[in-house]
Amino acid sequence: MNTTFENDLSAKGYIDVAIDPSIDLVAEINRLKKEKNAVILAHYYQESEIQDLADYIGDSLGLSQQAAKTDADVIVFAGVHFMAETAKILSPSKKVLLPDLKAGCSLSDSCPPHLFAKFKEKYPDHLVITYVNCTAELKALSDIVCTSSNAVQIVESLPADQKIIFGPDRNLGAYVQKKTGRDLVLWNGACMVHEIFSQEKLDALRLEYPHAKFIAHPECEDHILAQADYIGSTSGMLKFTIEDPTDTYIVATESGILHQMQKSSPNKTFIPAPPNNLCACNDCPHMKLNTLEKLYNCLYFEQPEIVLPADIIARAQKPIERMLDISAKLGL
């Protein structure tokens, strides 16, 4: 990569090179994907046009596991930074690319590893469980990693007298506490997307659609979860709307998931739970940094690349492997 591109990448976090407006971006991305033996992963919260051209669509850990099973040389993760790091942890020999390095995460950012390490020192007899939505460095400080779909079962699988630190999401931790009856030491982190739902607007929506079911992600605050007809991970919410006979849903998570819900159930109605601002739906500004143009340049130049120290990869693999072992034993 020449100096101009390096400067562009350093300043902006992505390759900022003009693209011929006459080219078919989707066709060119698919051509480059074959040429470079690449696989494209798209999280449910990505723009619909990115979801539609991805090889795999899903939640972060599931996508990384899918990519690890392929013979691809290159993984392009249309998601946020910690997700691409997870892909690198599970596929250390593959080149992992992220269209925009500044596609971060408010939850991940709310738990700086150096501060968490000091926090952990206060509880030397506690086992550390971290939600997968965190940095590679934080995973490396953990004993077990969990997802929003298996967090309750992971905690329940441990001896009742085992003391536990749970981070970084306080809302998911509080939900796990309530479901398991366990007393967890919670790190005080949160996802901005799941903490700005407007109670007033939600009440108005439920009056307008009295027969709609309200479904929510466990990263939401407790007063939101208390009203939900169903609580689950993003993929769990999608599955619920496919299998449930109701025809209308109010959905409390990032609005990108509605694209897959609508595709899977075209005859049903999906309404995004509104945030406490002037927007009609709740979008993650980090997720939306990725665009088709950045995805094209990312593949063309094979930059920005996710690079992790070998020791961080090795240490971060262990808590993920422990989670997978527990999940396998529980049949999850």
Protein backbone atom coordinates (compact mmCIF):
# COMPACT_ATOMS: atom_id res chain seq x y z
CA MET A 1 0.00 0.00 0.00
CA ASN A 2 1.51 3.35 -0.97
CA THR A 3 1.97 6.39 1.27
CA THR A 4 -1.22 8.11 0.10
CA PHE A 5 -3.33 5.10 1.06
CA GLU A 6 -1.48 4.74 4.35
CA ASN A 7 -2.22 8.36 5.20
CA ASP A 8 -5.87 7.93 4.24
CA LEU A 9 -6.11 4.83 6.43
CA SER A 10 -4.32 6.41 9.36
CA ALA A 11 -6.49 9.52 9.36
CA LYS A 12 -9.88 8.01 8.57
CA GLY A 13 -9.71 4.34 9.49
CA TYR A 14 -10.61 3.20 5.98
CA ILE A 15 -9.28 3.44 2.43
CA ASP A 16 -10.69 6.70 1.08
CA VAL A 17 -10.18 6.28 -2.65
CA ALA A 18 -12.66 7.55 -5.21
CA ILE A 19 -14.66 4.81 -6.93
CA ASP A 20 -15.82 5.03 -10.53
CA PRO A 21 -19.56 5.80 -10.13
CA SER A 22 -20.38 3.77 -13.24
CA ILE A 23 -19.27 0.43 -11.80
CA ASP A 24 -21.68 -2.09 -10.35
CA LEU A 25 -20.42 -2.26 -6.76
CA VAL A 26 -22.20 -5.50 -5.91
CA ALA A 27 -20.88 -7.24 -9.01
CA GLU A 28 -17.36 -5.95 -8.39
CA ILE A 29 -17.41 -7.00 -4.74
CA ASN A 30 -18.51 -10.49 -5.76
CA ARG A 31 -15.75 -10.61 -8.41
CA LEU A 32 -13.09 -9.54 -5.92
CA LYS A 33 -14.41 -12.03 -3.38
CA LYS A 34 -13.86 -14.92 -5.82
CA GLU A 35 -10.53 -13.56 -7.02
CA LYS A 36 -9.15 -13.29 -3.47
CA ASN A 37 -10.87 -16.37 -2.05
CA ALA A 38 -12.65 -14.19 0.49
CA VAL A 39 -15.75 -14.69 2.60
CA ILE A 40 -17.99 -11.77 3.58
CA LEU A 41 -19.69 -11.75 6.97
CA ALA A 42 -22.47 -9.31 7.82
CA HIS A 43 -23.94 -8.75 11.24
CA TYR A 44 -27.72 -8.39 11.50
CA TYR A 45 -27.25 -4.68 12.29
CA GLN A 46 -25.59 -3.83 8.97
CA GLU A 47 -27.35 -1.91 6.20
CA SER A 48 -29.67 -4.15 4.18
CA GLU A 49 -27.59 -3.84 0.99
CA ILE A 50 -24.56 -5.26 2.80
CA GLN A 51 -26.62 -8.06 4.35
CA ASP A 52 -27.94 -9.00 0.93
CA LEU A 53 -24.50 -9.63 -0.60
CA ALA A 54 -22.91 -11.35 2.41
CA ASP A 55 -22.04 -15.04 2.42
CA TYR A 56 -23.17 -15.33 6.03
CA ILE A 57 -25.48 -13.17 8.13
CA GLY A 58 -25.84 -13.55 11.86
CA ASP A 59 -24.62 -12.73 15.37
CA SER A 60 -20.95 -11.98 15.95
CA LEU A 61 -19.64 -15.26 17.39
CA GLY A 62 -21.68 -17.42 15.02
CA LEU A 63 -20.30 -15.52 12.05
CA SER A 64 -16.71 -16.01 13.23
CA GLN A 65 -17.36 -19.72 13.70
CA GLN A 66 -18.81 -19.98 10.19
CA ALA A 67 -15.79 -18.23 8.70
CA ALA A 68 -13.39 -20.51 10.59
CA LYS A 69 -14.99 -23.54 8.93
CA THR A 70 -14.42 -22.20 5.41
CA ASP A 71 -11.29 -22.53 3.27
CA ALA A 72 -11.28 -18.78 2.62
CA ASP A 73 -7.96 -16.95 2.79
CA VAL A 74 -9.60 -13.62 3.58
CA ILE A 75 -12.44 -12.75 5.97
CA VAL A 76 -14.23 -9.44 5.49
CA PHE A 77 -16.29 -8.70 8.59
CA ALA A 78 -19.00 -6.11 8.00
CA GLY A 79 -19.61 -5.40 11.64
CA VAL A 80 -17.68 -3.65 14.39
CA HIS A 81 -14.10 -3.91 15.62
CA PHE A 82 -14.50 -6.47 18.41
CA MET A 83 -16.34 -8.79 16.00
CA ALA A 84 -13.48 -8.73 13.52
CA GLU A 85 -11.09 -9.39 16.42
CA THR A 86 -13.13 -12.47 17.35
CA ALA A 87 -12.87 -13.69 13.77
CA LYS A 88 -9.09 -13.27 13.96
CA ILE A 89 -8.97 -15.16 17.28
CA LEU A 90 -10.82 -18.11 15.74
CA SER A 91 -8.97 -17.91 12.39
CA PRO A 92 -5.47 -16.67 13.24
CA SER A 93 -3.99 -17.83 9.94
CA LYS A 94 -6.54 -15.97 7.82
CA LYS A 95 -6.38 -12.30 6.85
CA VAL A 96 -9.26 -10.49 8.58
CA LEU A 97 -10.47 -7.16 7.20
CA LEU A 98 -12.88 -4.56 8.60
CA PRO A 99 -14.27 -1.97 6.13
CA ASP A 100 -13.93 0.85 8.68
CA LEU A 101 -11.56 0.56 11.66
CA LYS A 102 -13.57 3.24 13.46
CA ALA A 103 -16.61 0.98 13.54
CA GLY A 104 -16.30 0.50 17.29
CA CYS A 105 -18.80 -0.36 20.01
CA SER A 106 -20.04 1.69 22.95
CA LEU A 107 -20.30 -1.44 25.11
CA SER A 108 -16.79 -2.60 24.27
CA ASP A 109 -15.46 0.92 24.83
CA SER A 110 -17.14 1.06 28.24
CA CYS A 111 -14.73 -1.57 29.57
CA PRO A 112 -11.08 -0.59 29.03
CA PRO A 113 -8.98 -3.73 29.68
CA HIS A 114 -6.46 -1.99 31.94
CA LEU A 115 -9.27 -0.77 34.23
CA PHE A 116 -10.99 -4.14 34.17
CA ALA A 117 -7.71 -5.82 35.16
CA LYS A 118 -7.57 -3.61 38.27
CA PHE A 119 -11.24 -4.32 38.98
CA LYS A 120 -10.56 -8.05 38.66
CA GLU A 121 -7.74 -7.80 41.24
CA LYS A 122 -10.29 -6.78 43.88
CA TYR A 123 -12.00 -10.18 43.56
CA PRO A 124 -9.19 -12.76 43.39
CA ASP A 125 -11.51 -15.68 44.24
CA HIS A 126 -14.00 -14.81 41.48
CA LEU A 127 -14.26 -16.47 38.08
CA VAL A 128 -14.57 -13.98 35.21
CA ILE A 129 -17.31 -14.38 32.61
CA THR A 130 -17.32 -11.82 29.82
CA TYR A 131 -19.92 -11.22 27.18
CA VAL A 132 -18.50 -11.80 23.69
CA ASN A 133 -19.16 -8.12 22.87
CA CYS A 134 -15.75 -7.01 24.15
CA THR A 135 -12.19 -6.56 22.96
CA ALA A 136 -9.73 -9.39 22.38
CA GLU A 137 -7.68 -8.04 25.28
CA LEU A 138 -10.67 -8.30 27.61
CA LYS A 139 -11.39 -11.84 26.45
CA ALA A 140 -7.76 -12.62 27.29
CA LEU A 141 -8.46 -11.53 30.89
CA SER A 142 -11.46 -13.85 31.14
CA ASP A 143 -12.11 -17.41 32.27
CA ILE A 144 -15.21 -17.97 30.15
CA VAL A 145 -16.79 -16.01 27.32
CA CYS A 146 -20.56 -16.10 26.83
CA THR A 147 -23.15 -14.89 24.34
CA SER A 148 -26.53 -13.31 24.99
CA SER A 149 -28.16 -16.62 24.07
CA ASN A 150 -26.13 -18.83 26.42
CA ALA A 151 -25.18 -16.50 29.31
CA VAL A 152 -27.86 -17.88 31.63
CA GLN A 153 -26.93 -21.51 30.94
CA ILE A 154 -23.20 -20.82 31.31
CA VAL A 155 -23.74 -19.32 34.77
CA GLU A 156 -26.13 -22.11 35.78
CA SER A 157 -23.54 -24.71 34.75
CA LEU A 158 -21.11 -23.51 37.44
CA PRO A 159 -21.21 -24.62 41.10
CA ALA A 160 -23.66 -22.62 43.20
CA ASP A 161 -20.90 -21.39 45.48
CA GLN A 162 -18.68 -20.19 42.62
CA LYS A 163 -18.19 -16.43 42.87
CA ILE A 164 -18.48 -14.67 39.52
CA ILE A 165 -17.55 -11.36 37.93
CA PHE A 166 -19.74 -10.64 34.91
CA GLY A 167 -18.89 -7.97 32.34
CA PRO A 168 -18.98 -5.77 30.50
CA ASP A 169 -22.77 -5.36 30.08
CA ARG A 170 -24.57 -4.52 33.33
CA ASN A 171 -28.02 -5.01 31.78
CA LEU A 172 -27.27 -8.49 30.46
CA GLY A 173 -25.63 -9.24 33.82
CA ALA A 174 -28.71 -8.06 35.72
CA TYR A 175 -30.91 -10.21 33.45
CA VAL A 176 -28.70 -13.24 34.14
CA GLN A 177 -28.84 -12.52 37.88
CA LYS A 178 -32.62 -12.42 37.80
CA LYS A 179 -32.91 -15.63 35.76
CA THR A 180 -30.37 -17.63 37.78
CA GLY A 181 -30.76 -16.16 41.26
CA ARG A 182 -26.97 -15.85 41.44
CA ASP A 183 -25.24 -12.88 43.03
CA LEU A 184 -22.87 -11.58 40.33
CA VAL A 185 -20.31 -8.81 40.59
CA LEU A 186 -21.20 -6.63 37.59
CA TRP A 187 -18.95 -4.34 35.59
CA ASN A 188 -20.80 -1.08 34.93
CA GLY A 189 -20.85 -1.10 31.12
CA ALA A 190 -23.69 -0.79 28.62
CA CYS A 191 -24.62 -0.56 24.95
CA MET A 192 -25.87 2.90 23.96
CA VAL A 193 -28.28 1.43 21.40
CA HIS A 194 -30.08 -0.65 24.02
CA GLU A 195 -30.27 2.08 26.64
CA ILE A 196 -32.05 4.85 24.75
CA PHE A 197 -35.46 3.31 24.12
CA SER A 198 -38.20 5.78 24.99
CA GLN A 199 -40.70 4.46 27.52
CA GLU A 200 -43.22 7.15 26.55
CA LYS A 201 -43.00 6.36 22.83
CA LEU A 202 -43.09 2.65 23.51
CA ASP A 203 -46.26 3.03 25.58
CA ALA A 204 -47.85 4.96 22.71
CA LEU A 205 -46.85 2.25 20.21
CA ARG A 206 -48.32 -0.48 22.35
CA LEU A 207 -51.61 1.42 22.54
CA GLU A 208 -51.56 1.86 18.76
CA TYR A 209 -50.81 -1.85 18.20
CA PRO A 210 -52.51 -3.61 21.15
CA HIS A 211 -52.19 -7.07 19.62
CA ALA A 212 -48.49 -6.76 18.77
CA LYS A 213 -45.94 -8.77 20.71
CA PHE A 214 -43.07 -6.83 22.23
CA ILE A 215 -39.70 -8.56 21.89
CA ALA A 216 -36.42 -7.32 23.36
CA HIS A 217 -32.71 -8.02 23.54
CA PRO A 218 -31.35 -8.73 27.05
CA GLU A 219 -28.93 -5.78 26.70
CA CYS A 220 -31.99 -3.56 27.26
CA GLU A 221 -32.65 -2.00 30.65
CA ASP A 222 -34.71 -3.92 33.19
CA HIS A 223 -37.83 -1.74 32.92
CA ILE A 224 -37.92 -2.46 29.17
CA LEU A 225 -37.34 -6.19 29.62
CA ALA A 226 -40.09 -6.34 32.25
CA GLN A 227 -42.66 -5.58 29.53
CA ALA A 228 -41.36 -8.02 26.92
CA ASP A 229 -43.30 -11.00 25.61
CA TYR A 230 -40.02 -12.52 24.53
CA ILE A 231 -36.39 -11.79 25.49
CA GLY A 232 -33.55 -13.20 23.43
CA SER A 233 -30.44 -12.71 21.35
CA THR A 234 -30.73 -11.17 17.91
CA SER A 235 -30.83 -14.57 16.23
CA GLY A 236 -33.23 -15.78 18.93
CA MET A 237 -35.57 -12.87 18.23
CA LEU A 238 -35.47 -13.64 14.52
CA LYS A 239 -36.27 -17.30 15.12
CA PHE A 240 -39.11 -16.36 17.47
CA THR A 241 -40.79 -14.14 14.86
CA ILE A 242 -40.54 -16.91 12.28
CA GLU A 243 -42.06 -19.58 14.52
CA ASP A 244 -44.56 -17.48 16.50
CA PRO A 245 -48.06 -17.10 14.96
CA THR A 246 -48.44 -13.40 15.85
CA ASP A 247 -48.50 -11.09 12.83
CA THR A 248 -47.13 -7.87 14.39
CA TYR A 249 -44.04 -7.26 16.54
CA ILE A 250 -42.47 -4.26 18.26
CA VAL A 251 -38.74 -4.93 18.26
CA ALA A 252 -36.38 -3.51 20.90
CA THR A 253 -32.91 -3.87 19.46
CA GLU A 254 -30.89 -2.26 16.66
CA SER A 255 -33.19 -1.74 13.67
CA GLY A 256 -30.97 -3.59 11.17
CA ILE A 257 -32.48 -6.91 12.24
CA LEU A 258 -35.86 -5.89 10.82
CA HIS A 259 -34.52 -6.50 7.30
CA GLN A 260 -34.03 -10.22 7.96
CA MET A 261 -37.28 -10.44 9.90
CA GLN A 262 -39.19 -8.98 6.99
CA LYS A 263 -37.43 -11.23 4.49
CA SER A 264 -38.17 -14.31 6.59
CA SER A 265 -41.80 -13.34 7.31
CA PRO A 266 -42.97 -11.05 4.48
CA ASN A 267 -46.59 -11.15 5.60
CA LYS A 268 -45.83 -9.93 9.11
CA THR A 269 -45.36 -6.38 10.41
CA PHE A 270 -42.23 -5.33 12.30
CA ILE A 271 -42.04 -2.01 14.12
CA PRO A 272 -38.76 -0.73 15.62
CA ALA A 273 -39.02 0.33 19.24
CA PRO A 274 -38.32 4.07 19.15
CA PRO A 275 -35.34 5.75 20.83
CA ASN A 276 -35.46 8.77 23.10
CA ASN A 277 -34.55 11.20 20.31
CA LEU A 278 -36.02 12.48 17.05
CA CYS A 279 -35.18 9.34 15.05
CA ALA A 280 -37.90 6.92 13.99
CA CYS A 281 -35.79 3.86 14.80
CA ASN A 282 -32.76 2.89 16.83
CA ASP A 283 -29.59 2.66 14.72
CA CYS A 284 -26.06 1.94 15.89
CA PRO A 285 -23.86 4.72 14.48
CA HIS A 286 -20.82 2.43 14.60
CA MET A 287 -22.46 -0.36 12.61
CA LYS A 288 -23.63 2.12 10.02
CA LEU A 289 -20.08 3.35 9.33
CA ASN A 290 -19.64 0.39 6.99
CA THR A 291 -20.81 1.06 3.44
CA LEU A 292 -20.69 -0.75 0.10
CA GLU A 293 -17.99 1.68 -1.05
CA LYS A 294 -15.80 0.95 1.98
CA LEU A 295 -16.44 -2.77 1.56
CA TYR A 296 -15.29 -2.57 -2.06
CA ASN A 297 -12.10 -0.63 -1.22
CA CYS A 298 -11.46 -2.93 1.72
CA LEU A 299 -11.49 -5.98 -0.56
CA TYR A 300 -9.61 -4.27 -3.38
CA PHE A 301 -6.72 -3.03 -1.22
CA GLU A 302 -7.03 -5.73 1.49
CA GLN A 303 -6.99 -3.02 4.14
CA PRO A 304 -7.76 -2.18 6.96
CA GLU A 305 -6.50 -5.46 8.42
CA ILE A 306 -7.08 -6.68 11.96
CA VAL A 307 -3.75 -7.60 13.55
CA LEU A 308 -3.52 -9.07 17.07
CA PRO A 309 -0.49 -10.14 19.11
CA ALA A 310 -0.04 -13.92 19.16
CA ASP A 311 -0.19 -14.04 22.97
CA ILE A 312 -3.53 -12.18 23.04
CA ILE A 313 -4.94 -14.61 20.45
CA ALA A 314 -3.75 -17.62 22.46
CA ARG A 315 -5.11 -16.28 25.75
CA ALA A 316 -8.42 -15.16 24.22
CA GLN A 317 -8.99 -18.55 22.59
CA LYS A 318 -9.09 -20.34 25.96
CA PRO A 319 -12.25 -18.72 27.43
CA ILE A 320 -14.02 -19.13 24.08
CA GLU A 321 -13.05 -22.81 24.00
CA ARG A 322 -14.27 -23.23 27.57
CA MET A 323 -17.63 -21.72 26.60
CA LEU A 324 -17.88 -24.05 23.60
CA ASP A 325 -17.04 -27.06 25.79
CA ILE A 326 -19.74 -26.11 28.31
CA SER A 327 -22.23 -25.48 25.50
CA ALA A 328 -21.49 -28.86 23.95
CA LYS A 329 -22.00 -30.64 27.28
CA LEU A 330 -25.29 -28.81 27.78
CA GLY A 331 -26.41 -29.52 24.22
CA LEU A 332 -26.72 -25.82 23.37
